[in-house]
Amino acid sequence: MKTSRPGMRFLAVTVLLLAGASPAMAQNIYKCSQAGTVAYTDHPCPGGKGELLHKADDGEIIDQYLRLGQQDRARQYADARHLEALFKERLAAYQQDMEEKAQHQQDEMLAEQQREEQARQQTLAEQAASREQLAAENEALRQQNEQYRDELTQPVDSYPPAYWGTAPPYRERHHHHDGDHDGDHDHEPKAPVFHPCTQLAGGRVQC
């Protein structure tokens, strides 16, 4: 009997659902037809009619018991059919699979911890760099303030030279070479002019 592609897909889904439902359903799958209705079951069809679609082997049944955590029932099934070697083989494969899954979970957990630690270290490094930059800026400001205070404490001469802005004093004498001396004409310098100054902030002077 030929089966269409949609029918084959439906059959495959049905086999998976029946096989994964319970250890009993992991055994045999029958296709039963009654009054124009098709049903899939793990029990033989009524009256012995129907079609056996899938017959689970002993290894599948033992694996199903083991996946459900029913190791004793898997052993009982194997002992009842003298399948001790098969039971040991399937049990070893199951244990190896569990160990690999546990190792994978542990590796994932360690990787996550490493990612968290790297993120934490990155945050600490950024915080340290920010503190160093702030400390450097504060030190620069402190040095500027100290320099400013030093400039304010420097003594400032508030008085400029006495002849600031005037020609230096000198005495002129006119000598007559013709023998007539009308007297010496002395030119006295003007009195010194003082310009009082005012000291400003930062060591500057305003006069």
N, C-alpha and C. Protein backbone atom coordinates (compact mmCIF):
# COMPACT_ATOMS: atom_id res chain seq x y z
N MET A 1 0.85 -1.19 0.00
CA MET A 1 0.00 0.00 0.00
C MET A 1 0.88 1.23 0.00
N LYS A 2 0.61 2.13 -0.91
CA LYS A 2 1.38 3.34 -1.02
C LYS A 2 0.80 4.41 -0.09
N THR A 3 1.69 5.24 0.39
CA THR A 3 1.28 6.32 1.29
C THR A 3 1.76 7.63 0.74
N SER A 4 0.89 8.66 0.69
CA SER A 4 1.27 9.97 0.16
C SER A 4 2.24 10.65 1.11
N ARG A 5 2.88 11.73 0.61
CA ARG A 5 3.83 12.46 1.44
C ARG A 5 3.18 13.06 2.68
N PRO A 6 2.01 13.75 2.57
CA PRO A 6 1.38 14.24 3.81
C PRO A 6 1.08 13.12 4.78
N GLY A 7 0.69 11.96 4.25
CA GLY A 7 0.43 10.83 5.12
C GLY A 7 1.69 10.35 5.81
N MET A 8 2.81 10.35 5.10
CA MET A 8 4.07 9.92 5.69
C MET A 8 4.50 10.87 6.79
N ARG A 9 4.32 12.20 6.57
CA ARG A 9 4.69 13.16 7.62
C ARG A 9 3.81 12.98 8.85
N PHE A 10 2.53 12.76 8.63
CA PHE A 10 1.64 12.55 9.76
C PHE A 10 2.01 11.29 10.52
N LEU A 11 2.39 10.27 9.78
CA LEU A 11 2.78 9.01 10.39
C LEU A 11 4.04 9.20 11.23
N ALA A 12 5.01 9.95 10.71
CA ALA A 12 6.25 10.15 11.45
C ALA A 12 6.00 10.90 12.74
N VAL A 13 5.14 11.93 12.68
CA VAL A 13 4.81 12.69 13.89
C VAL A 13 4.11 11.80 14.89
N THR A 14 3.20 10.96 14.41
CA THR A 14 2.47 10.08 15.30
C THR A 14 3.39 9.09 15.99
N VAL A 15 4.34 8.56 15.24
CA VAL A 15 5.30 7.61 15.81
C VAL A 15 6.12 8.28 16.91
N LEU A 16 6.55 9.50 16.66
CA LEU A 16 7.35 10.20 17.67
C LEU A 16 6.53 10.47 18.93
N LEU A 17 5.29 10.90 18.75
CA LEU A 17 4.45 11.20 19.91
C LEU A 17 4.18 9.94 20.73
N LEU A 18 3.85 8.87 20.07
CA LEU A 18 3.56 7.63 20.78
C LEU A 18 4.81 7.05 21.43
N ALA A 19 5.92 7.18 20.75
CA ALA A 19 7.16 6.61 21.30
C ALA A 19 7.64 7.40 22.50
N GLY A 20 7.35 8.71 22.56
CA GLY A 20 7.84 9.52 23.66
C GLY A 20 6.87 9.65 24.80
N ALA A 21 5.68 9.10 24.71
CA ALA A 21 4.69 9.29 25.75
C ALA A 21 5.00 8.50 27.01
N SER A 22 5.37 7.22 26.90
CA SER A 22 5.65 6.38 28.06
C SER A 22 6.44 5.17 27.61
N PRO A 23 7.02 4.42 28.55
CA PRO A 23 7.76 3.22 28.15
C PRO A 23 6.89 2.23 27.40
N ALA A 24 5.62 2.13 27.78
CA ALA A 24 4.77 1.16 27.07
C ALA A 24 4.55 1.59 25.64
N MET A 25 4.35 2.89 25.42
CA MET A 25 4.10 3.38 24.08
C MET A 25 5.36 3.38 23.23
N ALA A 26 6.52 3.17 23.82
CA ALA A 26 7.76 3.12 23.06
C ALA A 26 7.96 1.76 22.40
N GLN A 27 7.02 0.88 22.58
CA GLN A 27 7.20 -0.46 22.04
C GLN A 27 6.69 -0.56 20.60
N ASN A 28 5.42 -0.85 20.42
CA ASN A 28 4.87 -1.09 19.10
C ASN A 28 3.83 -0.03 18.77
N ILE A 29 3.72 0.34 17.50
CA ILE A 29 2.73 1.30 17.05
C ILE A 29 1.93 0.65 15.92
N TYR A 30 0.62 0.66 16.12
CA TYR A 30 -0.27 0.03 15.17
C TYR A 30 -1.13 1.09 14.51
N LYS A 31 -1.46 0.82 13.23
CA LYS A 31 -2.41 1.65 12.49
C LYS A 31 -3.69 0.85 12.34
N CYS A 32 -4.73 1.38 12.95
CA CYS A 32 -6.01 0.67 12.95
C CYS A 32 -7.04 1.47 12.17
N SER A 33 -7.84 0.77 11.37
CA SER A 33 -8.91 1.39 10.58
C SER A 33 -10.23 0.78 11.00
N GLN A 34 -11.18 1.64 11.32
CA GLN A 34 -12.49 1.16 11.74
C GLN A 34 -13.54 2.17 11.32
N ALA A 35 -14.50 1.74 10.54
CA ALA A 35 -15.60 2.58 10.04
C ALA A 35 -15.07 3.81 9.33
N GLY A 36 -14.06 3.61 8.54
CA GLY A 36 -13.50 4.71 7.77
C GLY A 36 -12.62 5.65 8.58
N THR A 37 -12.36 5.34 9.84
CA THR A 37 -11.52 6.18 10.70
C THR A 37 -10.20 5.47 10.95
N VAL A 38 -9.10 6.25 10.84
CA VAL A 38 -7.77 5.70 11.06
C VAL A 38 -7.26 6.17 12.42
N ALA A 39 -6.76 5.23 13.21
CA ALA A 39 -6.23 5.54 14.54
C ALA A 39 -4.88 4.86 14.69
N TYR A 40 -4.00 5.54 15.44
CA TYR A 40 -2.67 5.00 15.72
C TYR A 40 -2.59 4.72 17.21
N THR A 41 -2.14 3.54 17.54
CA THR A 41 -2.11 3.13 18.94
C THR A 41 -0.93 2.21 19.19
N ASP A 42 -0.65 2.04 20.49
CA ASP A 42 0.43 1.12 20.86
C ASP A 42 -0.12 -0.27 21.16
N HIS A 43 -1.42 -0.42 21.06
CA HIS A 43 -2.04 -1.73 21.30
C HIS A 43 -2.45 -2.34 19.97
N PRO A 44 -2.47 -3.63 19.89
CA PRO A 44 -2.94 -4.28 18.66
C PRO A 44 -4.37 -3.86 18.34
N CYS A 45 -4.68 -3.82 17.06
CA CYS A 45 -6.01 -3.40 16.63
C CYS A 45 -7.04 -4.47 17.03
N PRO A 46 -8.27 -4.06 17.26
CA PRO A 46 -9.32 -5.04 17.61
C PRO A 46 -9.50 -6.10 16.51
N GLY A 47 -9.64 -7.32 16.95
CA GLY A 47 -9.81 -8.41 15.99
C GLY A 47 -8.54 -8.78 15.28
N GLY A 48 -7.45 -8.27 15.73
CA GLY A 48 -6.18 -8.59 15.08
C GLY A 48 -6.00 -7.93 13.75
N LYS A 49 -6.86 -6.98 13.44
CA LYS A 49 -6.75 -6.28 12.17
C LYS A 49 -5.89 -5.04 12.35
N GLY A 50 -5.38 -4.55 11.30
CA GLY A 50 -4.55 -3.36 11.35
C GLY A 50 -3.14 -3.62 10.85
N GLU A 51 -2.32 -2.64 10.99
CA GLU A 51 -0.96 -2.72 10.44
C GLU A 51 0.05 -2.30 11.51
N LEU A 52 1.06 -3.11 11.67
CA LEU A 52 2.14 -2.78 12.61
C LEU A 52 3.11 -1.84 11.91
N LEU A 53 3.14 -0.59 12.36
CA LEU A 53 3.98 0.41 11.71
C LEU A 53 5.40 0.45 12.30
N HIS A 54 5.48 0.25 13.57
CA HIS A 54 6.80 0.36 14.21
C HIS A 54 6.87 -0.61 15.37
N LYS A 55 7.92 -1.37 15.36
CA LYS A 55 8.16 -2.29 16.48
C LYS A 55 9.43 -1.85 17.18
N ALA A 56 9.26 -1.36 18.38
CA ALA A 56 10.41 -0.89 19.14
C ALA A 56 11.27 -2.06 19.54
N ASP A 57 12.57 -1.89 19.38
CA ASP A 57 13.46 -2.97 19.80
C ASP A 57 13.75 -2.85 21.29
N ASP A 58 14.46 -3.82 21.80
CA ASP A 58 14.72 -3.86 23.24
C ASP A 58 15.60 -2.69 23.69
N GLY A 59 16.52 -2.29 22.83
CA GLY A 59 17.39 -1.17 23.20
C GLY A 59 16.60 0.12 23.40
N GLU A 60 15.60 0.37 22.53
CA GLU A 60 14.78 1.56 22.67
C GLU A 60 13.99 1.55 23.98
N ILE A 61 13.47 0.39 24.32
CA ILE A 61 12.68 0.29 25.54
C ILE A 61 13.56 0.52 26.77
N ILE A 62 14.73 -0.08 26.78
CA ILE A 62 15.64 0.13 27.91
C ILE A 62 16.05 1.59 28.01
N ASP A 63 16.35 2.21 26.84
CA ASP A 63 16.72 3.63 26.84
C ASP A 63 15.59 4.49 27.38
N GLN A 64 14.34 4.13 27.02
CA GLN A 64 13.20 4.91 27.49
C GLN A 64 13.07 4.84 29.01
N TYR A 65 13.24 3.66 29.55
CA TYR A 65 13.21 3.53 31.01
C TYR A 65 14.33 4.35 31.66
N LEU A 66 15.51 4.29 31.09
CA LEU A 66 16.63 5.02 31.66
C LEU A 66 16.42 6.53 31.59
N ARG A 67 15.88 7.02 30.47
CA ARG A 67 15.63 8.47 30.35
C ARG A 67 14.61 8.95 31.37
N LEU A 68 13.68 8.07 31.76
CA LEU A 68 12.69 8.42 32.76
C LEU A 68 13.21 8.23 34.18
N GLY A 69 14.46 7.83 34.31
CA GLY A 69 15.03 7.62 35.64
C GLY A 69 14.59 6.32 36.29
N GLN A 70 14.10 5.39 35.51
CA GLN A 70 13.61 4.12 36.05
C GLN A 70 14.60 3.01 35.71
N GLN A 71 15.74 3.10 36.32
CA GLN A 71 16.81 2.14 36.03
C GLN A 71 16.43 0.72 36.49
N ASP A 72 15.74 0.61 37.62
CA ASP A 72 15.36 -0.72 38.12
C ASP A 72 14.40 -1.41 37.14
N ARG A 73 13.45 -0.65 36.60
CA ARG A 73 12.53 -1.25 35.65
C ARG A 73 13.25 -1.63 34.36
N ALA A 74 14.24 -0.82 33.95
CA ALA A 74 15.02 -1.19 32.78
C ALA A 74 15.79 -2.48 33.03
N ARG A 75 16.32 -2.65 34.24
CA ARG A 75 17.05 -3.88 34.55
C ARG A 75 16.09 -5.09 34.58
N GLN A 76 14.93 -4.87 35.17
CA GLN A 76 13.95 -5.96 35.22
C GLN A 76 13.54 -6.38 33.81
N TYR A 77 13.34 -5.38 32.93
CA TYR A 77 12.98 -5.70 31.56
C TYR A 77 14.08 -6.51 30.89
N ALA A 78 15.32 -6.10 31.08
CA ALA A 78 16.44 -6.81 30.46
C ALA A 78 16.61 -8.20 31.06
N ASP A 79 16.48 -8.33 32.40
CA ASP A 79 16.65 -9.64 33.04
C ASP A 79 15.58 -10.62 32.59
N ALA A 80 14.35 -10.12 32.41
CA ALA A 80 13.26 -11.01 32.01
C ALA A 80 13.49 -11.55 30.61
N ARG A 81 14.29 -10.89 29.81
CA ARG A 81 14.53 -11.32 28.42
C ARG A 81 15.98 -11.74 28.20
N HIS A 82 16.69 -11.90 29.30
CA HIS A 82 18.10 -12.33 29.25
C HIS A 82 18.93 -11.37 28.38
N LEU A 83 18.76 -10.07 28.67
CA LEU A 83 19.46 -9.05 27.90
C LEU A 83 20.42 -8.27 28.81
N GLU A 84 21.12 -9.01 29.66
CA GLU A 84 22.01 -8.34 30.60
C GLU A 84 23.10 -7.55 29.88
N ALA A 85 23.67 -8.11 28.83
CA ALA A 85 24.74 -7.41 28.10
C ALA A 85 24.20 -6.14 27.44
N LEU A 86 23.00 -6.24 26.86
CA LEU A 86 22.40 -5.07 26.24
C LEU A 86 22.10 -4.00 27.29
N PHE A 87 21.63 -4.44 28.46
CA PHE A 87 21.35 -3.46 29.52
C PHE A 87 22.62 -2.73 29.94
N LYS A 88 23.71 -3.47 30.13
CA LYS A 88 24.97 -2.82 30.51
C LYS A 88 25.44 -1.84 29.43
N GLU A 89 25.28 -2.23 28.19
CA GLU A 89 25.70 -1.35 27.09
C GLU A 89 24.87 -0.06 27.06
N ARG A 90 23.54 -0.21 27.17
CA ARG A 90 22.68 0.97 27.12
C ARG A 90 22.86 1.82 28.39
N LEU A 91 23.10 1.18 29.52
CA LEU A 91 23.33 1.93 30.76
C LEU A 91 24.62 2.73 30.67
N ALA A 92 25.68 2.14 30.12
CA ALA A 92 26.96 2.87 29.97
C ALA A 92 26.78 4.05 29.03
N ALA A 93 26.05 3.84 27.92
CA ALA A 93 25.82 4.94 26.99
C ALA A 93 25.00 6.05 27.65
N TYR A 94 24.01 5.65 28.44
CA TYR A 94 23.19 6.65 29.13
C TYR A 94 24.03 7.44 30.14
N GLN A 95 24.84 6.76 30.90
CA GLN A 95 25.69 7.44 31.89
C GLN A 95 26.69 8.37 31.22
N GLN A 96 27.28 7.93 30.10
CA GLN A 96 28.19 8.80 29.37
C GLN A 96 27.48 10.05 28.86
N ASP A 97 26.26 9.86 28.37
CA ASP A 97 25.49 11.00 27.88
C ASP A 97 25.19 11.98 29.01
N MET A 98 24.84 11.45 30.19
CA MET A 98 24.57 12.30 31.35
C MET A 98 25.84 13.05 31.78
N GLU A 99 26.98 12.35 31.74
CA GLU A 99 28.24 13.00 32.12
C GLU A 99 28.60 14.12 31.14
N GLU A 100 28.38 13.88 29.85
CA GLU A 100 28.67 14.91 28.85
C GLU A 100 27.74 16.12 29.04
N LYS A 101 26.47 15.87 29.34
CA LYS A 101 25.56 16.97 29.58
C LYS A 101 25.97 17.76 30.83
N ALA A 102 26.35 17.03 31.88
CA ALA A 102 26.78 17.70 33.11
C ALA A 102 28.04 18.52 32.87
N GLN A 103 28.98 17.96 32.09
CA GLN A 103 30.21 18.68 31.78
C GLN A 103 29.91 19.93 30.94
N HIS A 104 28.98 19.79 30.02
CA HIS A 104 28.59 20.93 29.19
C HIS A 104 27.98 22.03 30.05
N GLN A 105 27.12 21.64 30.97
CA GLN A 105 26.51 22.63 31.86
C GLN A 105 27.56 23.31 32.73
N GLN A 106 28.53 22.52 33.21
CA GLN A 106 29.59 23.09 34.03
C GLN A 106 30.45 24.05 33.22
N ASP A 107 30.75 23.67 31.98
CA ASP A 107 31.54 24.55 31.11
C ASP A 107 30.80 25.85 30.85
N GLU A 108 29.49 25.75 30.62
CA GLU A 108 28.70 26.95 30.39
C GLU A 108 28.69 27.84 31.63
N MET A 109 28.60 27.22 32.80
CA MET A 109 28.58 27.99 34.03
C MET A 109 29.92 28.68 34.25
N LEU A 110 31.03 27.97 33.99
CA LEU A 110 32.36 28.58 34.14
C LEU A 110 32.56 29.71 33.14
N ALA A 111 32.08 29.50 31.90
CA ALA A 111 32.22 30.55 30.90
C ALA A 111 31.44 31.79 31.30
N GLU A 112 30.25 31.59 31.86
CA GLU A 112 29.45 32.73 32.32
C GLU A 112 30.14 33.45 33.47
N GLN A 113 30.74 32.68 34.38
CA GLN A 113 31.47 33.30 35.49
C GLN A 113 32.67 34.10 34.98
N GLN A 114 33.36 33.56 33.98
CA GLN A 114 34.50 34.28 33.40
C GLN A 114 34.05 35.57 32.74
N ARG A 115 32.93 35.52 32.01
CA ARG A 115 32.41 36.73 31.38
C ARG A 115 32.03 37.78 32.43
N GLU A 116 31.43 37.33 33.51
CA GLU A 116 31.06 38.27 34.58
C GLU A 116 32.31 38.85 35.23
N GLU A 117 33.34 38.01 35.44
CA GLU A 117 34.57 38.51 36.05
C GLU A 117 35.28 39.50 35.13
N GLN A 118 35.30 39.22 33.83
CA GLN A 118 35.90 40.15 32.88
C GLN A 118 35.16 41.48 32.88
N ALA A 119 33.84 41.41 32.93
CA ALA A 119 33.06 42.66 32.97
C ALA A 119 33.35 43.42 34.26
N ARG A 120 33.50 42.70 35.37
CA ARG A 120 33.80 43.36 36.64
C ARG A 120 35.19 44.00 36.61
N GLN A 121 36.17 43.29 36.07
CA GLN A 121 37.52 43.84 35.97
C GLN A 121 37.54 45.07 35.06
N GLN A 122 36.78 45.02 33.97
CA GLN A 122 36.71 46.16 33.06
C GLN A 122 36.12 47.37 33.77
N THR A 123 35.08 47.13 34.56
CA THR A 123 34.47 48.23 35.31
C THR A 123 35.45 48.82 36.32
N LEU A 124 36.18 47.95 37.02
CA LEU A 124 37.17 48.43 37.99
C LEU A 124 38.28 49.23 37.31
N ALA A 125 38.71 48.76 36.13
CA ALA A 125 39.77 49.48 35.40
C ALA A 125 39.28 50.86 34.96
N GLU A 126 38.05 50.93 34.49
CA GLU A 126 37.51 52.22 34.07
C GLU A 126 37.36 53.16 35.26
N GLN A 127 36.94 52.64 36.39
CA GLN A 127 36.81 53.47 37.59
C GLN A 127 38.18 53.98 38.05
N ALA A 128 39.20 53.09 38.01
CA ALA A 128 40.55 53.51 38.41
C ALA A 128 41.08 54.59 37.47
N ALA A 129 40.87 54.43 36.17
CA ALA A 129 41.33 55.43 35.21
C ALA A 129 40.64 56.77 35.45
N SER A 130 39.35 56.72 35.77
CA SER A 130 38.62 57.96 36.05
C SER A 130 39.15 58.64 37.30
N ARG A 131 39.47 57.85 38.33
CA ARG A 131 40.02 58.43 39.56
C ARG A 131 41.39 59.06 39.30
N GLU A 132 42.22 58.39 38.50
CA GLU A 132 43.54 58.93 38.19
C GLU A 132 43.44 60.24 37.42
N GLN A 133 42.53 60.29 36.47
CA GLN A 133 42.35 61.52 35.70
C GLN A 133 41.87 62.66 36.60
N LEU A 134 40.94 62.35 37.49
CA LEU A 134 40.44 63.38 38.41
C LEU A 134 41.54 63.85 39.35
N ALA A 135 42.37 62.92 39.83
CA ALA A 135 43.47 63.30 40.71
C ALA A 135 44.47 64.19 39.98
N ALA A 136 44.76 63.87 38.71
CA ALA A 136 45.69 64.69 37.94
C ALA A 136 45.13 66.09 37.73
N GLU A 137 43.84 66.20 37.46
CA GLU A 137 43.24 67.52 37.28
C GLU A 137 43.27 68.32 38.58
N ASN A 138 43.01 67.65 39.70
CA ASN A 138 43.06 68.33 40.99
C ASN A 138 44.48 68.80 41.31
N GLU A 139 45.48 67.98 40.98
CA GLU A 139 46.86 68.37 41.24
C GLU A 139 47.25 69.58 40.40
N ALA A 140 46.81 69.60 39.15
CA ALA A 140 47.11 70.76 38.30
C ALA A 140 46.47 72.02 38.85
N LEU A 141 45.25 71.93 39.33
CA LEU A 141 44.60 73.09 39.93
C LEU A 141 45.31 73.53 41.21
N ARG A 142 45.75 72.56 41.99
CA ARG A 142 46.46 72.91 43.22
C ARG A 142 47.76 73.65 42.92
N GLN A 143 48.49 73.19 41.92
CA GLN A 143 49.73 73.87 41.55
C GLN A 143 49.45 75.28 41.03
N GLN A 144 48.38 75.44 40.27
CA GLN A 144 48.03 76.77 39.79
C GLN A 144 47.68 77.70 40.96
N ASN A 145 46.97 77.18 41.94
CA ASN A 145 46.62 78.00 43.11
C ASN A 145 47.86 78.39 43.91
N GLU A 146 48.79 77.45 44.05
CA GLU A 146 50.01 77.76 44.78
C GLU A 146 50.82 78.84 44.04
N GLN A 147 50.90 78.70 42.74
CA GLN A 147 51.62 79.71 41.96
C GLN A 147 50.96 81.08 42.09
N TYR A 148 49.65 81.09 42.09
CA TYR A 148 48.92 82.35 42.22
C TYR A 148 49.18 82.98 43.59
N ARG A 149 49.17 82.16 44.65
CA ARG A 149 49.44 82.69 45.98
C ARG A 149 50.87 83.21 46.09
N ASP A 150 51.82 82.51 45.45
CA ASP A 150 53.21 82.99 45.48
C ASP A 150 53.33 84.34 44.80
N GLU A 151 52.61 84.52 43.71
CA GLU A 151 52.67 85.81 43.02
C GLU A 151 52.09 86.93 43.88
N LEU A 152 51.06 86.63 44.64
CA LEU A 152 50.46 87.64 45.50
C LEU A 152 51.37 88.05 46.65
N THR A 153 52.19 87.11 47.11
CA THR A 153 53.06 87.40 48.26
C THR A 153 54.38 88.03 47.85
N GLN A 154 54.66 88.15 46.56
CA GLN A 154 55.91 88.75 46.12
C GLN A 154 55.89 90.25 46.41
N PRO A 155 56.99 90.85 46.98
CA PRO A 155 57.04 92.31 47.23
C PRO A 155 57.05 93.07 45.91
N VAL A 156 56.31 94.14 45.91
CA VAL A 156 56.19 94.96 44.70
C VAL A 156 56.62 96.38 45.05
N ASP A 157 57.53 96.97 44.26
CA ASP A 157 57.97 98.36 44.45
C ASP A 157 56.90 99.28 43.89
N SER A 158 56.24 100.01 44.80
CA SER A 158 55.14 100.88 44.38
C SER A 158 55.61 102.21 43.83
N TYR A 159 56.87 102.49 43.97
CA TYR A 159 57.38 103.81 43.55
C TYR A 159 58.31 103.62 42.37
N PRO A 160 58.04 104.29 41.30
CA PRO A 160 58.93 104.22 40.14
C PRO A 160 60.14 105.10 40.36
N PRO A 161 61.11 105.10 39.51
CA PRO A 161 62.27 105.99 39.64
C PRO A 161 61.83 107.44 39.73
N ALA A 162 62.62 108.23 40.46
CA ALA A 162 62.24 109.62 40.74
C ALA A 162 62.04 110.42 39.46
N TYR A 163 62.76 110.11 38.42
CA TYR A 163 62.68 110.90 37.18
C TYR A 163 61.97 110.11 36.09
N TRP A 164 61.04 109.34 36.53
CA TRP A 164 60.28 108.55 35.55
C TRP A 164 59.48 109.50 34.66
N GLY A 165 59.66 109.39 33.42
CA GLY A 165 58.93 110.22 32.47
C GLY A 165 59.58 111.57 32.21
N THR A 166 60.71 111.87 32.85
CA THR A 166 61.40 113.16 32.64
C THR A 166 62.82 112.90 32.23
N ALA A 167 63.42 113.88 31.66
CA ALA A 167 64.82 113.76 31.26
C ALA A 167 65.70 113.78 32.50
N PRO A 168 66.79 113.05 32.55
CA PRO A 168 67.68 113.07 33.71
C PRO A 168 68.24 114.47 33.92
N PRO A 169 68.42 114.83 35.18
CA PRO A 169 68.92 116.19 35.47
C PRO A 169 70.35 116.37 34.96
N TYR A 170 70.61 117.55 34.54
CA TYR A 170 71.99 117.88 34.16
C TYR A 170 72.16 119.39 34.31
N ARG A 171 73.40 119.81 34.40
CA ARG A 171 73.73 121.23 34.62
C ARG A 171 74.46 121.74 33.38
N GLU A 172 73.91 122.81 32.84
CA GLU A 172 74.53 123.39 31.65
C GLU A 172 75.29 124.65 32.03
N ARG A 173 76.42 124.74 31.47
CA ARG A 173 77.23 125.96 31.63
C ARG A 173 77.62 126.44 30.24
N HIS A 174 77.39 127.77 30.01
CA HIS A 174 77.78 128.35 28.72
C HIS A 174 79.05 129.15 28.93
N HIS A 175 80.01 128.76 28.22
CA HIS A 175 81.31 129.45 28.30
C HIS A 175 81.41 130.41 27.11
N HIS A 176 81.80 131.61 27.44
CA HIS A 176 82.01 132.62 26.38
C HIS A 176 83.49 132.60 26.02
N HIS A 177 83.69 132.36 24.85
CA HIS A 177 85.07 132.29 24.38
C HIS A 177 85.61 133.66 23.95
N ASP A 178 84.75 134.65 24.00
CA ASP A 178 85.25 135.95 23.56
C ASP A 178 85.87 136.76 24.70
N GLY A 179 85.98 136.10 25.84
CA GLY A 179 86.62 136.78 26.95
C GLY A 179 85.67 137.50 27.84
N ASP A 180 84.44 137.67 27.42
CA ASP A 180 83.47 138.36 28.27
C ASP A 180 82.72 137.33 29.07
N HIS A 181 82.76 137.51 30.32
CA HIS A 181 82.06 136.58 31.19
C HIS A 181 80.92 137.33 31.82
N ASP A 182 79.78 137.08 31.30
CA ASP A 182 78.61 137.71 31.91
C ASP A 182 78.15 136.93 33.13
N GLY A 183 78.89 135.94 33.38
CA GLY A 183 78.52 135.08 34.51
C GLY A 183 78.07 133.72 34.00
N ASP A 184 78.18 132.81 34.85
CA ASP A 184 77.76 131.44 34.48
C ASP A 184 76.25 131.35 34.52
N HIS A 185 75.71 130.78 33.50
CA HIS A 185 74.26 130.59 33.45
C HIS A 185 73.96 129.14 33.82
N ASP A 186 73.62 129.03 35.00
CA ASP A 186 73.32 127.66 35.48
C ASP A 186 71.84 127.35 35.26
N HIS A 187 71.62 126.20 34.75
CA HIS A 187 70.25 125.73 34.54
C HIS A 187 69.99 124.59 35.52
N GLU A 188 69.26 124.88 36.55
CA GLU A 188 68.96 123.86 37.55
C GLU A 188 67.85 122.93 37.01
N PRO A 189 67.93 121.61 37.32
CA PRO A 189 66.87 120.67 36.88
C PRO A 189 65.59 120.91 37.64
N LYS A 190 64.53 120.51 37.06
CA LYS A 190 63.25 120.60 37.73
C LYS A 190 63.21 119.63 38.90
N ALA A 191 62.28 119.94 39.79
CA ALA A 191 62.14 119.05 40.96
C ALA A 191 61.66 117.67 40.50
N PRO A 192 62.10 116.60 41.17
CA PRO A 192 61.66 115.24 40.79
C PRO A 192 60.15 115.12 40.87
N VAL A 193 59.61 114.36 39.94
CA VAL A 193 58.17 114.11 39.91
C VAL A 193 57.91 112.66 40.32
N PHE A 194 57.16 112.54 41.37
CA PHE A 194 56.86 111.19 41.85
C PHE A 194 55.45 110.80 41.40
N HIS A 195 55.32 109.55 40.97
CA HIS A 195 54.02 109.04 40.53
C HIS A 195 53.60 107.92 41.48
N PRO A 196 52.72 108.17 42.37
CA PRO A 196 52.29 107.09 43.29
C PRO A 196 51.60 105.97 42.51
N CYS A 197 51.85 104.76 42.90
CA CYS A 197 51.31 103.58 42.21
C CYS A 197 50.46 102.76 43.17
N THR A 198 49.59 102.02 42.58
CA THR A 198 48.70 101.15 43.36
C THR A 198 48.97 99.70 42.98
N GLN A 199 49.15 98.87 44.01
CA GLN A 199 49.40 97.45 43.76
C GLN A 199 48.09 96.73 43.50
N LEU A 200 48.07 95.96 42.43
CA LEU A 200 46.88 95.19 42.06
C LEU A 200 47.13 93.72 42.33
N ALA A 201 46.07 92.95 42.18
CA ALA A 201 46.19 91.50 42.38
C ALA A 201 47.08 90.90 41.31
N GLY A 202 47.73 89.82 41.69
CA GLY A 202 48.60 89.13 40.76
C GLY A 202 49.94 89.81 40.58
N GLY A 203 50.32 90.73 41.48
CA GLY A 203 51.63 91.37 41.39
C GLY A 203 51.68 92.50 40.40
N ARG A 204 50.54 92.96 39.86
CA ARG A 204 50.57 94.05 38.91
C ARG A 204 50.52 95.41 39.62
N VAL A 205 50.98 96.44 38.92
CA VAL A 205 51.04 97.78 39.49
C VAL A 205 50.38 98.75 38.53
N GLN A 206 49.54 99.60 39.07
CA GLN A 206 48.90 100.64 38.27
C GLN A 206 49.33 102.00 38.81
N CYS A 207 49.89 102.88 37.91
CA CYS A 207 50.40 104.20 38.29
C CYS A 207 49.62 105.30 37.56
